């Protein structure tokens, strides 16, 4: 029994000494003075709160970053087009990327003679009139619309233009489509338009929520994607392998312009990854080939810089 008590006393003494050593270790405070100090944080116990990291500041969202990148590309395209315009005939261009919602225009409100791109407006008017009557276009109407779009046949265009009701009828159709700066002329090729209005027209020809029903949209797409190879210039020049292009081109020369050429191209480039509408209008070109070269170069610049 005596040996047991001695053993207990010895163990108690060890605890007291050890505890004193531990307490003595913790008495040193940051001021260098003794007594009253706290244990180092590495030796604290219990439910003391643990330090937390400072919150990381929230940066721009992916959408904001993408919008900033698109804006930067547009500024670079502005600079490239201004540089080209310094030595080229006058032109305008507009692009609508339906995948991103970005719309770009350069001199978007300037009016130009349509020449034969007005034939796409006349086609839209024909399709709307047929819808209003609750019918498909007649075989007679389609026999005029096909050469009008695929071959840019002027006689077929004049016949269809008059059949629909001429200037007043096409003007009413334009209002329904939202072409606010397009002025129809009785001589249809002298109709005035802007690239911004032409984007609205191209959208009307394809938008599910637009004025044209599915059948009318299919008709427009079929005609504008199967133009004669002699008409296959302009917008199709920017299409890559695997993409589909629709197009309506216009060209005209007049004595009033000193024999210079108006060259225009409107259309769309589409694929699983691309859905872009493009309009390029120009005038005062020295020749038709020179004008085609201009509108294709401008269209290609939009793709180079906007990255669609």
Protein backbone atom coordinates (compact mmCIF):
# COMPACT_ATOMS: atom_id res chain seq x y z
CA UNK A 1 0.00 0.00 0.00
CA UNK A 2 2.86 2.38 0.94
CA UNK A 3 4.62 1.63 -2.35
CA UNK A 4 1.41 2.37 -4.23
CA UNK A 5 1.01 5.78 -2.56
CA UNK A 6 4.62 6.69 -3.39
CA UNK A 7 4.06 5.79 -7.02
CA UNK A 8 0.96 8.01 -7.17
CA UNK A 9 2.83 10.96 -5.62
CA UNK A 10 5.66 10.54 -8.11
CA UNK A 11 3.30 10.59 -11.07
CA UNK A 12 1.52 13.70 -9.73
CA UNK A 13 4.81 15.51 -9.37
CA UNK A 14 5.72 14.69 -12.98
CA UNK A 15 2.41 16.11 -14.17
CA UNK A 16 2.85 19.32 -12.20
CA UNK A 17 6.40 19.81 -13.43
CA UNK A 18 5.47 19.01 -17.02
CA UNK A 19 2.47 21.32 -16.90
CA UNK A 20 4.58 24.09 -15.49
CA UNK A 21 7.02 23.69 -18.33
CA UNK A 22 4.16 23.89 -20.80
CA UNK A 23 2.69 26.97 -19.13
CA UNK A 24 6.10 28.56 -18.95
CA UNK A 25 6.53 28.08 -22.70
CA UNK A 26 3.35 29.99 -23.33
CA UNK A 27 4.02 32.94 -21.07
CA UNK A 28 6.18 34.81 -23.59
CA UNK A 29 4.14 37.50 -25.37
CA UNK A 30 4.92 39.43 -28.57
CA UNK A 31 6.10 42.45 -26.61
CA UNK A 32 8.97 40.49 -25.15
CA UNK A 33 7.62 40.84 -21.61
CA UNK A 34 6.87 37.94 -19.38
CA UNK A 35 3.62 36.67 -18.00
CA UNK A 36 0.05 36.78 -19.17
CA UNK A 37 0.84 35.69 -22.76
CA UNK A 38 -1.31 33.48 -24.98
CA UNK A 39 -0.34 30.16 -26.42
CA UNK A 40 0.94 30.23 -29.97
CA UNK A 41 -1.82 29.58 -32.42
CA UNK A 42 -0.29 26.25 -33.29
CA UNK A 43 -0.85 25.15 -29.71
CA UNK A 44 -4.36 26.49 -29.06
CA UNK A 45 -7.14 24.04 -28.33
CA UNK A 46 -10.91 23.93 -28.05
CA UNK A 47 -13.41 25.83 -30.18
CA UNK A 48 -11.39 28.97 -30.95
CA UNK A 49 -12.33 30.23 -34.47
CA UNK A 50 -9.92 29.32 -37.22
CA UNK A 51 -8.62 32.08 -39.47
CA UNK A 52 -10.29 32.18 -42.88
CA UNK A 53 -8.84 33.23 -46.22
CA UNK A 54 -9.90 36.58 -47.63
CA UNK A 55 -12.64 36.22 -50.27
CA UNK A 56 -11.44 36.30 -53.87
CA UNK A 57 -12.84 39.33 -55.74
CA UNK A 58 -15.43 38.38 -58.37
CA UNK A 59 -14.17 39.11 -61.91
CA UNK A 60 -16.09 39.69 -65.15
CA UNK A 61 -18.55 36.98 -66.13
CA UNK A 62 -17.89 34.85 -69.22
CA UNK A 63 -20.65 36.78 -70.99
CA UNK A 64 -19.03 40.11 -70.15
CA UNK A 65 -15.66 38.88 -71.34
CA UNK A 66 -17.18 37.64 -74.62
CA UNK A 67 -18.94 40.98 -75.16
CA UNK A 68 -15.71 42.86 -74.54
CA UNK A 69 -13.91 40.64 -77.03
CA UNK A 70 -16.60 41.24 -79.67
CA UNK A 71 -16.35 44.99 -79.10
CA UNK A 72 -12.58 44.86 -79.54
CA UNK A 73 -12.97 42.95 -82.80
CA UNK A 74 -15.48 45.49 -84.06
CA UNK A 75 -13.05 48.34 -83.36
CA UNK A 76 -10.33 46.54 -85.30
CA UNK A 77 -12.74 45.97 -88.20
CA UNK A 78 -13.66 49.67 -88.16
CA UNK A 79 -9.99 50.55 -88.54
CA UNK A 80 -9.45 48.02 -91.34
CA UNK A 81 -12.49 49.22 -93.31
CA UNK A 82 -11.56 52.89 -92.92
CA UNK A 83 -8.08 52.11 -94.20
CA UNK A 84 -9.50 50.26 -97.22
CA UNK A 85 -12.11 52.97 -97.89
CA UNK A 86 -9.37 55.58 -98.25
CA UNK A 87 -8.50 54.17 -101.67
CA UNK A 88 -11.72 52.36 -102.71
CA UNK A 89 -15.10 53.41 -104.12
CA UNK A 90 -17.78 54.14 -101.56
CA UNK A 91 -19.29 51.15 -99.76
CA UNK A 92 -21.30 50.10 -96.71
CA UNK A 93 -21.44 46.77 -94.90
CA UNK A 94 -23.51 45.21 -92.14
CA UNK A 95 -23.28 41.82 -90.41
CA UNK A 96 -25.65 40.04 -88.03
CA UNK A 97 -24.31 37.02 -86.16
CA UNK A 98 -27.39 35.23 -84.87
CA UNK A 99 -25.30 32.86 -82.74
CA UNK A 100 -23.93 35.70 -80.60
CA UNK A 101 -26.51 38.40 -81.28
CA UNK A 102 -23.78 40.80 -82.41
CA UNK A 103 -24.76 43.26 -85.14
CA UNK A 104 -22.09 45.32 -86.83
CA UNK A 105 -22.48 48.02 -89.43
CA UNK A 106 -20.16 50.39 -91.25
CA UNK A 107 -21.99 53.38 -92.73
CA UNK A 108 -25.15 51.45 -92.01
CA UNK A 109 -27.62 54.28 -92.66
CA UNK A 110 -26.28 55.40 -96.06
CA UNK A 111 -28.68 54.82 -98.95
CA UNK A 112 -27.62 53.14 -102.21
CA UNK A 113 -29.44 52.04 -105.34
CA UNK A 114 -30.49 48.42 -104.86
CA UNK A 115 -30.05 47.29 -108.46
CA UNK A 116 -31.11 43.63 -108.50
CA UNK A 117 -30.95 42.90 -104.78
CA UNK A 118 -34.46 44.43 -104.68
CA UNK A 119 -35.57 41.13 -106.19
CA UNK A 120 -35.26 39.54 -102.74
CA UNK A 121 -37.71 42.18 -101.45
CA UNK A 122 -40.09 41.41 -104.31
CA UNK A 123 -39.82 37.70 -103.48
CA UNK A 124 -40.72 38.40 -99.84
CA UNK A 125 -43.70 40.46 -100.99
CA UNK A 126 -44.93 37.64 -103.25
CA UNK A 127 -44.69 35.16 -100.37
CA UNK A 128 -46.52 37.49 -97.98
CA UNK A 129 -49.33 38.13 -100.44
CA UNK A 130 -49.82 34.41 -100.95
CA UNK A 131 -49.92 33.85 -97.18
CA UNK A 132 -52.47 36.65 -96.76
CA UNK A 133 -54.68 34.91 -99.31
CA UNK A 134 -54.32 31.63 -97.44
CA UNK A 135 -52.62 29.87 -100.32
CA UNK A 136 -49.28 28.83 -101.76
CA UNK A 137 -47.72 30.93 -104.52
CA UNK A 138 -49.32 30.01 -107.83
CA UNK A 139 -47.41 28.15 -110.51
CA UNK A 140 -47.45 31.35 -112.55
CA UNK A 141 -45.90 33.33 -109.69
CA UNK A 142 -43.23 30.69 -109.14
CA UNK A 143 -42.46 30.63 -112.87
CA UNK A 144 -41.49 34.29 -112.49
CA UNK A 145 -39.84 34.07 -109.05
CA UNK A 146 -37.43 31.27 -109.99
CA UNK A 147 -35.66 33.07 -112.88
CA UNK A 148 -35.91 36.37 -110.98
CA UNK A 149 -33.77 34.99 -108.14
CA UNK A 150 -31.69 32.27 -109.78
CA UNK A 151 -30.88 34.12 -113.02
CA UNK A 152 -31.67 37.71 -111.97
CA UNK A 153 -34.02 37.87 -114.96
CA UNK A 154 -35.25 41.45 -115.39
CA UNK A 155 -38.29 40.68 -117.52
CA UNK A 156 -39.56 38.15 -114.98
CA UNK A 157 -38.98 40.70 -112.24
CA UNK A 158 -40.94 43.43 -114.01
CA UNK A 159 -43.85 41.06 -114.61
CA UNK A 160 -43.94 39.89 -110.98
CA UNK A 161 -43.50 43.45 -109.65
CA UNK A 162 -46.53 44.61 -111.63
CA UNK A 163 -48.54 41.49 -110.76
CA UNK A 164 -48.05 42.17 -107.03
CA UNK A 165 -49.21 45.77 -107.33
CA UNK A 166 -46.02 47.66 -108.11
CA UNK A 167 -44.43 50.31 -105.92
CA UNK A 168 -47.29 50.71 -103.42
CA UNK A 169 -47.65 46.98 -102.81
CA UNK A 170 -43.95 46.36 -102.30
CA UNK A 171 -43.75 49.43 -100.03
CA UNK A 172 -46.50 47.97 -97.84
CA UNK A 173 -44.65 44.67 -97.67
CA UNK A 174 -41.45 46.48 -96.73
CA UNK A 175 -43.26 48.21 -93.86
CA UNK A 176 -44.38 44.83 -92.49
CA UNK A 177 -40.81 43.58 -92.65
CA UNK A 178 -39.51 46.71 -90.92
CA UNK A 179 -37.54 48.31 -93.74
CA UNK A 180 -37.71 51.87 -92.49
CA UNK A 181 -35.08 53.45 -94.78
CA UNK A 182 -35.90 51.68 -98.03
CA UNK A 183 -37.71 53.73 -100.71
CA UNK A 184 -39.26 51.73 -103.55
CA UNK A 185 -39.06 53.19 -107.05
CA UNK A 186 -41.47 52.44 -109.90
CA UNK A 187 -38.29 51.57 -111.81
CA UNK A 188 -37.60 48.81 -109.28
CA UNK A 189 -33.81 48.78 -109.79
CA UNK A 190 -33.58 52.38 -108.60
CA UNK A 191 -35.07 51.54 -105.20
CA UNK A 192 -32.93 53.02 -102.42
CA UNK A 193 -31.89 51.00 -99.38
CA UNK A 194 -29.32 50.65 -96.60
CA UNK A 195 -27.27 47.71 -95.36
CA UNK A 196 -29.11 47.87 -92.03
CA UNK A 197 -32.45 47.46 -93.81
CA UNK A 198 -31.06 44.59 -95.84
CA UNK A 199 -30.19 42.74 -92.63
CA UNK A 200 -33.83 43.13 -91.59
CA UNK A 201 -34.92 41.67 -94.93
CA UNK A 202 -32.56 38.71 -94.58
CA UNK A 203 -33.85 38.09 -91.06
CA UNK A 204 -37.47 38.21 -92.26
CA UNK A 205 -36.68 35.52 -94.81
CA UNK A 206 -35.55 33.08 -92.10
CA UNK A 207 -36.87 34.05 -88.65
CA UNK A 208 -39.44 31.69 -87.14
CA UNK A 209 -41.03 34.63 -85.34
CA UNK A 210 -41.03 36.81 -88.46
CA UNK A 211 -43.83 37.47 -90.94
CA UNK A 212 -43.10 34.51 -93.22
CA UNK A 213 -44.34 31.02 -92.38
CA UNK A 214 -42.21 27.88 -92.62
CA UNK A 215 -43.21 27.09 -96.19
CA UNK A 216 -42.42 30.64 -97.37
CA UNK A 217 -39.06 30.54 -95.61
CA UNK A 218 -38.22 27.24 -97.29
CA UNK A 219 -39.11 28.68 -100.70
CA UNK A 220 -36.87 31.71 -100.17
CA UNK A 221 -33.99 29.56 -98.93
CA UNK A 222 -34.30 27.11 -101.83
CA UNK A 223 -34.22 29.86 -104.45
CA UNK A 224 -31.41 31.89 -102.88
CA UNK A 225 -29.21 28.85 -102.24
CA UNK A 226 -29.46 27.56 -105.83
CA UNK A 227 -28.57 30.59 -107.94
CA UNK A 228 -26.95 30.05 -111.31
CA UNK A 229 -23.17 29.66 -111.16
CA UNK A 230 -22.80 32.98 -112.99
CA UNK A 231 -24.57 34.59 -110.00
CA UNK A 232 -22.52 32.72 -107.40
CA UNK A 233 -20.28 35.55 -106.22
CA UNK A 234 -20.33 38.04 -103.38
CA UNK A 235 -21.46 36.49 -100.08
CA UNK A 236 -20.65 32.89 -101.12
CA UNK A 237 -16.97 33.90 -101.36
CA UNK A 238 -16.71 34.00 -97.55
CA UNK A 239 -18.26 30.56 -96.97
CA UNK A 240 -15.98 27.78 -95.72
CA UNK A 241 -16.13 24.09 -96.57
CA UNK A 242 -19.27 22.55 -95.11
CA UNK A 243 -21.15 25.87 -94.92
CA UNK A 244 -24.18 26.84 -96.98
CA UNK A 245 -24.52 30.25 -98.60
CA UNK A 246 -27.60 32.05 -99.85
CA UNK A 247 -27.22 35.12 -102.05
CA UNK A 248 -28.86 37.77 -104.17
CA UNK A 249 -26.53 40.07 -106.06
CA UNK A 250 -27.16 43.33 -107.82
CA UNK A 251 -25.22 45.26 -110.46
CA UNK A 252 -26.03 48.20 -112.65
CA UNK A 253 -24.37 50.97 -114.61
CA UNK A 254 -26.04 54.23 -115.56
CA UNK A 255 -25.16 57.20 -117.72
CA UNK A 256 -26.19 59.44 -114.82
CA UNK A 257 -23.31 57.96 -112.83
CA UNK A 258 -20.84 58.48 -115.64
CA UNK A 259 -20.97 54.82 -116.56
CA UNK A 260 -19.73 53.73 -113.12
CA UNK A 261 -21.10 50.58 -111.50
CA UNK A 262 -23.28 49.88 -108.47
CA UNK A 263 -22.36 46.43 -107.14
CA UNK A 264 -24.27 44.90 -104.22
CA UNK A 265 -24.47 41.53 -102.49
CA UNK A 266 -26.71 40.23 -99.71
CA UNK A 267 -26.99 36.75 -98.22
CA UNK A 268 -26.32 34.37 -95.40
CA UNK A 269 -23.66 31.84 -94.39
CA UNK A 270 -24.87 28.96 -92.24
CA UNK A 271 -23.73 25.68 -90.71
CA UNK A 272 -24.09 23.92 -87.36
CA UNK A 273 -21.71 26.50 -85.89
CA UNK A 274 -22.41 29.57 -88.07
CA UNK A 275 -25.50 31.68 -88.71
CA UNK A 276 -24.52 35.02 -90.20
CA UNK A 277 -26.31 37.51 -92.46
CA UNK A 278 -24.20 39.93 -94.52
CA UNK A 279 -25.01 42.90 -96.76
CA UNK A 280 -22.49 44.89 -98.78
CA UNK A 281 -23.56 47.85 -100.95
CA UNK A 282 -21.28 49.93 -103.17
CA UNK A 283 -21.26 52.38 -106.05
CA UNK A 284 -18.87 54.31 -108.31
CA UNK A 285 -16.96 51.16 -109.25
CA UNK A 286 -14.94 51.44 -112.45
CA UNK A 287 -16.21 48.09 -113.77
CA UNK A 288 -18.34 45.13 -112.73
CA UNK A 289 -15.30 42.89 -111.99
CA UNK A 290 -13.75 45.67 -109.91
CA UNK A 291 -16.99 46.06 -107.97
CA UNK A 292 -17.25 42.33 -107.33
CA UNK A 293 -13.68 42.35 -106.05
CA UNK A 294 -14.56 45.22 -103.69
CA UNK A 295 -17.69 43.67 -102.14
CA UNK A 296 -16.00 40.31 -101.71
CA UNK A 297 -12.98 41.89 -100.04
CA UNK A 298 -15.21 43.84 -97.66
CA UNK A 299 -17.22 40.71 -96.81
CA UNK A 300 -14.01 38.77 -96.17
CA UNK A 301 -12.70 41.51 -93.89
CA UNK A 302 -15.79 41.15 -91.72
CA UNK A 303 -15.10 37.46 -91.30
CA UNK A 304 -11.40 38.00 -90.66
CA UNK A 305 -11.99 40.49 -87.86
CA UNK A 306 -15.33 39.43 -86.36
CA UNK A 307 -14.23 35.77 -86.25
CA UNK A 308 -17.60 34.24 -87.15
